[in-house]
Amino acid sequence: MSVVLVTGIEPFDGESLNPSWEVARRLDGECVDGATLVSRQLPCVIGRVNPALFQMLTALRPALVLCLGQAGGRVDITLERVAINIVDARIPDNAGQQPVDEPIFPQGPAGYFSTLPIKAMVRALRRQGIPASVSQTAGTYNCNAIFYGLCHYIASQHAPMRGGFVHLPYLPEMAAAHPGAPSMALATQLDAVKTPLRTALTTTSDIRVWAGALH
């Protein structure tokens, strides 16, 4: 039976919750389309997050990797298209570090694209009645570092795995502390992660439909 690694991130920026970990930890041990889900938590420490991720990838050798992150302020589930080789932290991480204009891997390429069928995943979510879209930026903080690190591992190790990154909105109890911020219930977010996983496991080539942005 193949293994799917699902990662979430510890809370950061003064929050007591992170939707990515609240979702990921509830999926641990589940079976989806014949694959066993294994959940792991990653730190919100930019200098440590990729060594931690690489240890997980080496130990588990998953066929598929779905990294989850928090995107407070976003209104829907966003499937990330591209990771860029830069850290430009607006806030300090959980170790108090705030790298600015630093490469994630100095010898790495400028960017990587997701190896998951992100447009097919968005279509599946929308058909289920869950708001979703393709995102053209994973930011320049810890989430982007994870996404870039995952892609760099797959490319540099010629690893027989596919992977990508999904951003989740605030949970309602988090949005209560951020007046006007959108949120999504935990149960919906759980469904919103299982659906892309099923799609990714059964779809190797993405569909060709528009999912771009004007700005």
Protein backbone atom coordinates (compact mmCIF):
# COMPACT_ATOMS: atom_id res chain seq x y z
CA MET A 1 0.00 0.00 0.00
CA SER A 2 1.40 3.39 -0.98
CA VAL A 3 1.99 6.18 1.52
CA VAL A 4 0.81 9.77 1.20
CA LEU A 5 2.51 12.32 3.42
CA VAL A 6 0.32 15.19 4.60
CA THR A 7 2.09 17.96 6.49
CA GLY A 8 0.74 20.82 8.57
CA ILE A 9 2.53 23.66 10.33
CA GLU A 10 2.65 24.63 13.98
CA PRO A 11 0.83 27.84 15.02
CA PHE A 12 2.73 31.09 14.47
CA ASP A 13 2.38 34.85 14.81
CA GLY A 14 0.69 34.61 18.20
CA GLU A 15 -2.05 32.18 17.09
CA SER A 16 -2.95 29.13 19.17
CA LEU A 17 -4.17 27.17 16.14
CA ASN A 18 -3.03 26.56 12.60
CA PRO A 19 -5.72 25.12 10.29
CA SER A 20 -3.11 23.20 8.33
CA TRP A 21 -2.16 21.11 11.36
CA GLU A 22 -5.72 20.81 12.67
CA VAL A 23 -6.65 19.27 9.32
CA ALA A 24 -3.50 17.20 8.82
CA ARG A 25 -3.52 15.56 12.25
CA ARG A 26 -7.11 14.37 11.80
CA LEU A 27 -6.18 12.63 8.55
CA ASP A 28 -3.37 10.56 10.04
CA GLY A 29 -3.95 6.85 9.46
CA GLU A 30 -6.87 7.26 7.05
CA CYS A 31 -6.99 5.33 3.80
CA VAL A 32 -7.81 7.17 0.56
CA ASP A 33 -8.08 5.25 -2.69
CA GLY A 34 -5.78 2.52 -1.41
CA ALA A 35 -3.16 4.90 -0.01
CA THR A 36 -2.41 5.36 3.68
CA LEU A 37 -2.22 8.96 4.90
CA VAL A 38 0.63 9.80 7.27
CA SER A 39 0.50 13.20 8.94
CA ARG A 40 3.46 15.14 10.28
CA GLN A 41 3.87 18.62 11.75
CA LEU A 42 6.49 21.03 10.44
CA PRO A 43 7.93 23.96 12.41
CA CYS A 44 7.39 27.59 11.53
CA VAL A 45 11.15 28.08 11.64
CA ILE A 46 12.50 28.87 8.20
CA GLY A 47 16.02 27.65 8.89
CA ARG A 48 14.85 24.29 10.23
CA VAL A 49 11.76 23.46 8.23
CA ASN A 50 13.36 21.88 5.17
CA PRO A 51 15.80 19.65 7.09
CA ALA A 52 12.76 18.40 9.02
CA LEU A 53 10.79 17.86 5.81
CA PHE A 54 13.69 16.07 4.12
CA GLN A 55 14.00 13.65 7.06
CA MET A 56 10.32 12.79 6.67
CA LEU A 57 10.62 12.29 2.92
CA THR A 58 13.68 10.07 3.28
CA ALA A 59 12.14 7.97 6.04
CA LEU A 60 8.66 7.55 4.57
CA ARG A 61 9.39 7.57 0.81
CA PRO A 62 5.81 8.62 0.02
CA ALA A 63 4.33 8.33 -3.43
CA LEU A 64 2.54 11.65 -2.95
CA VAL A 65 3.11 14.65 -0.70
CA LEU A 66 0.56 17.33 0.13
CA CYS A 67 1.89 20.14 2.27
CA LEU A 68 -0.71 22.36 3.92
CA GLY A 69 -0.36 25.89 5.21
CA GLN A 70 -2.36 28.74 6.69
CA ALA A 71 -3.35 31.71 4.55
CA GLY A 72 -5.29 34.04 6.82
CA GLY A 73 -7.36 36.45 4.74
CA ARG A 74 -7.87 34.16 1.77
CA VAL A 75 -11.48 33.26 1.06
CA ASP A 76 -11.05 29.79 -0.42
CA ILE A 77 -8.86 26.71 -0.71
CA THR A 78 -5.90 27.70 -2.85
CA LEU A 79 -3.80 25.24 -4.81
CA GLU A 80 -0.33 26.70 -5.26
CA ARG A 81 1.21 26.69 -8.73
CA VAL A 82 4.78 27.93 -8.18
CA ALA A 83 7.41 28.09 -5.44
CA ILE A 84 10.16 30.71 -5.68
CA ASN A 85 13.70 30.61 -4.33
CA ILE A 86 13.46 33.54 -1.93
CA VAL A 87 12.67 34.26 1.69
CA ASP A 88 11.49 37.78 2.47
CA ALA A 89 9.88 37.48 5.90
CA ARG A 90 7.39 40.18 6.89
CA ILE A 91 7.32 38.83 10.45
CA PRO A 92 9.80 36.82 12.55
CA ASP A 93 9.39 33.06 12.59
CA ASN A 94 8.95 31.02 15.78
CA ALA A 95 12.70 31.15 16.44
CA GLY A 96 12.65 34.94 16.25
CA GLN A 97 14.47 34.99 12.92
CA GLN A 98 13.40 37.25 10.05
CA PRO A 99 15.43 36.54 6.89
CA VAL A 100 15.12 39.18 4.19
CA ASP A 101 15.93 38.66 0.51
CA GLU A 102 17.71 35.35 1.12
CA PRO A 103 17.60 32.32 -1.18
CA ILE A 104 16.15 29.10 0.20
CA PHE A 105 18.83 27.10 -1.62
CA PRO A 106 21.64 29.29 -3.02
CA GLN A 107 22.37 26.88 -5.87
CA GLY A 108 18.72 26.18 -6.65
CA PRO A 109 16.74 27.45 -9.65
CA ALA A 110 14.58 30.55 -9.41
CA GLY A 111 11.41 28.52 -9.09
CA TYR A 112 9.60 25.22 -9.36
CA PHE A 113 6.11 24.29 -10.46
CA SER A 114 3.83 21.95 -8.55
CA THR A 115 3.86 18.38 -9.82
CA LEU A 116 0.24 17.84 -8.81
CA PRO A 117 -2.78 18.27 -11.15
CA ILE A 118 -3.82 21.52 -9.49
CA LYS A 119 -6.48 22.54 -12.02
CA ALA A 120 -8.16 19.15 -11.85
CA MET A 121 -8.04 19.43 -8.07
CA VAL A 122 -9.71 22.85 -8.17
CA ARG A 123 -12.42 21.53 -10.49
CA ALA A 124 -13.11 18.61 -8.16
CA LEU A 125 -13.43 20.94 -5.18
CA ARG A 126 -15.80 23.30 -6.97
CA ARG A 127 -17.97 20.41 -8.11
CA GLN A 128 -18.23 19.45 -4.45
CA GLY A 129 -19.40 22.97 -3.61
CA ILE A 130 -16.16 24.03 -1.92
CA PRO A 131 -14.65 27.39 -2.99
CA ALA A 132 -11.22 26.83 -4.53
CA SER A 133 -8.78 28.44 -6.93
CA VAL A 134 -5.27 28.22 -8.33
CA SER A 135 -2.88 30.59 -6.57
CA GLN A 136 0.12 32.08 -8.34
CA THR A 137 2.05 32.84 -5.15
CA ALA A 138 2.74 30.91 -1.97
CA GLY A 139 4.17 34.05 -0.38
CA THR A 140 7.79 34.53 0.68
CA TYR A 141 7.62 33.09 4.18
CA ASN A 142 7.66 29.61 5.73
CA CYS A 143 4.99 28.12 3.44
CA ASN A 144 6.87 29.03 0.29
CA ALA A 145 10.09 27.69 1.83
CA ILE A 146 8.35 24.35 2.45
CA PHE A 147 6.88 24.23 -1.05
CA TYR A 148 10.21 25.11 -2.65
CA GLY A 149 12.05 22.61 -0.45
CA LEU A 150 9.65 19.83 -1.40
CA CYS A 151 10.05 20.55 -5.10
CA HIS A 152 13.84 20.85 -4.74
CA TYR A 153 14.02 17.47 -2.99
CA ILE A 154 11.96 15.79 -5.71
CA ALA A 155 14.05 17.34 -8.50
CA SER A 156 17.53 16.97 -6.97
CA GLN A 157 16.99 13.46 -5.62
CA HIS A 158 15.12 12.29 -8.74
CA ALA A 159 12.59 11.03 -6.22
CA PRO A 160 9.69 8.95 -7.58
CA MET A 161 7.09 11.09 -5.87
CA ARG A 162 4.79 13.97 -6.72
CA GLY A 163 4.00 16.86 -4.44
CA GLY A 164 2.50 20.27 -3.98
CA PHE A 165 1.18 22.84 -1.55
CA VAL A 166 -2.33 23.89 -0.52
CA HIS A 167 -3.20 26.99 1.50
CA LEU A 168 -6.18 26.92 3.88
CA PRO A 169 -8.21 29.86 5.26
CA TYR A 170 -8.62 30.70 8.92
CA LEU A 171 -10.84 28.53 11.08
CA PRO A 172 -13.92 30.40 12.41
CA GLU A 173 -12.53 30.62 15.96
CA MET A 174 -9.38 32.23 14.54
CA ALA A 175 -11.31 34.67 12.36
CA ALA A 176 -13.19 35.85 15.46
CA ALA A 177 -9.96 37.54 16.52
CA HIS A 178 -9.53 39.12 13.07
CA PRO A 179 -12.73 41.10 12.39
CA GLY A 180 -13.74 40.95 8.75
CA ALA A 181 -11.45 38.03 7.92
CA PRO A 182 -13.03 35.12 6.01
CA SER A 183 -13.01 31.63 7.49
CA MET A 184 -13.98 28.04 6.72
CA ALA A 185 -15.26 25.37 9.08
CA LEU A 186 -12.90 22.56 10.02
CA ALA A 187 -15.23 19.87 8.65
CA THR A 188 -15.30 21.62 5.28
CA GLN A 189 -11.54 22.00 5.28
CA LEU A 190 -11.15 18.28 5.97
CA ASP A 191 -13.31 17.48 2.94
CA ALA A 192 -11.38 20.11 1.00
CA VAL A 193 -8.14 18.23 1.55
CA LYS A 194 -9.46 14.70 0.97
CA THR A 195 -10.92 15.66 -2.40
CA PRO A 196 -7.64 16.97 -3.89
CA LEU A 197 -5.84 13.94 -2.50
CA ARG A 198 -8.24 11.59 -4.30
CA THR A 199 -7.86 13.63 -7.48
CA ALA A 200 -4.07 13.65 -7.31
CA LEU A 201 -3.93 9.90 -6.69
CA THR A 202 -6.06 9.14 -9.75
CA THR A 203 -4.92 11.92 -12.11
CA THR A 204 -1.40 12.09 -13.53
CA SER A 205 -1.94 14.73 -16.24
CA ASP A 206 -3.64 18.02 -15.42
CA ILE A 207 -6.62 19.37 -17.33
CA ARG A 208 -6.16 22.37 -19.65
CA VAL A 209 -8.54 25.13 -18.54
CA TRP A 210 -7.89 28.73 -17.63
CA ALA A 211 -7.01 29.42 -14.00
CA GLY A 212 -4.82 32.49 -14.33
CA ALA A 213 -5.05 35.97 -12.87
CA LEU A 214 -4.98 39.47 -14.33
CA HIS A 215 -2.98 40.83 -11.39
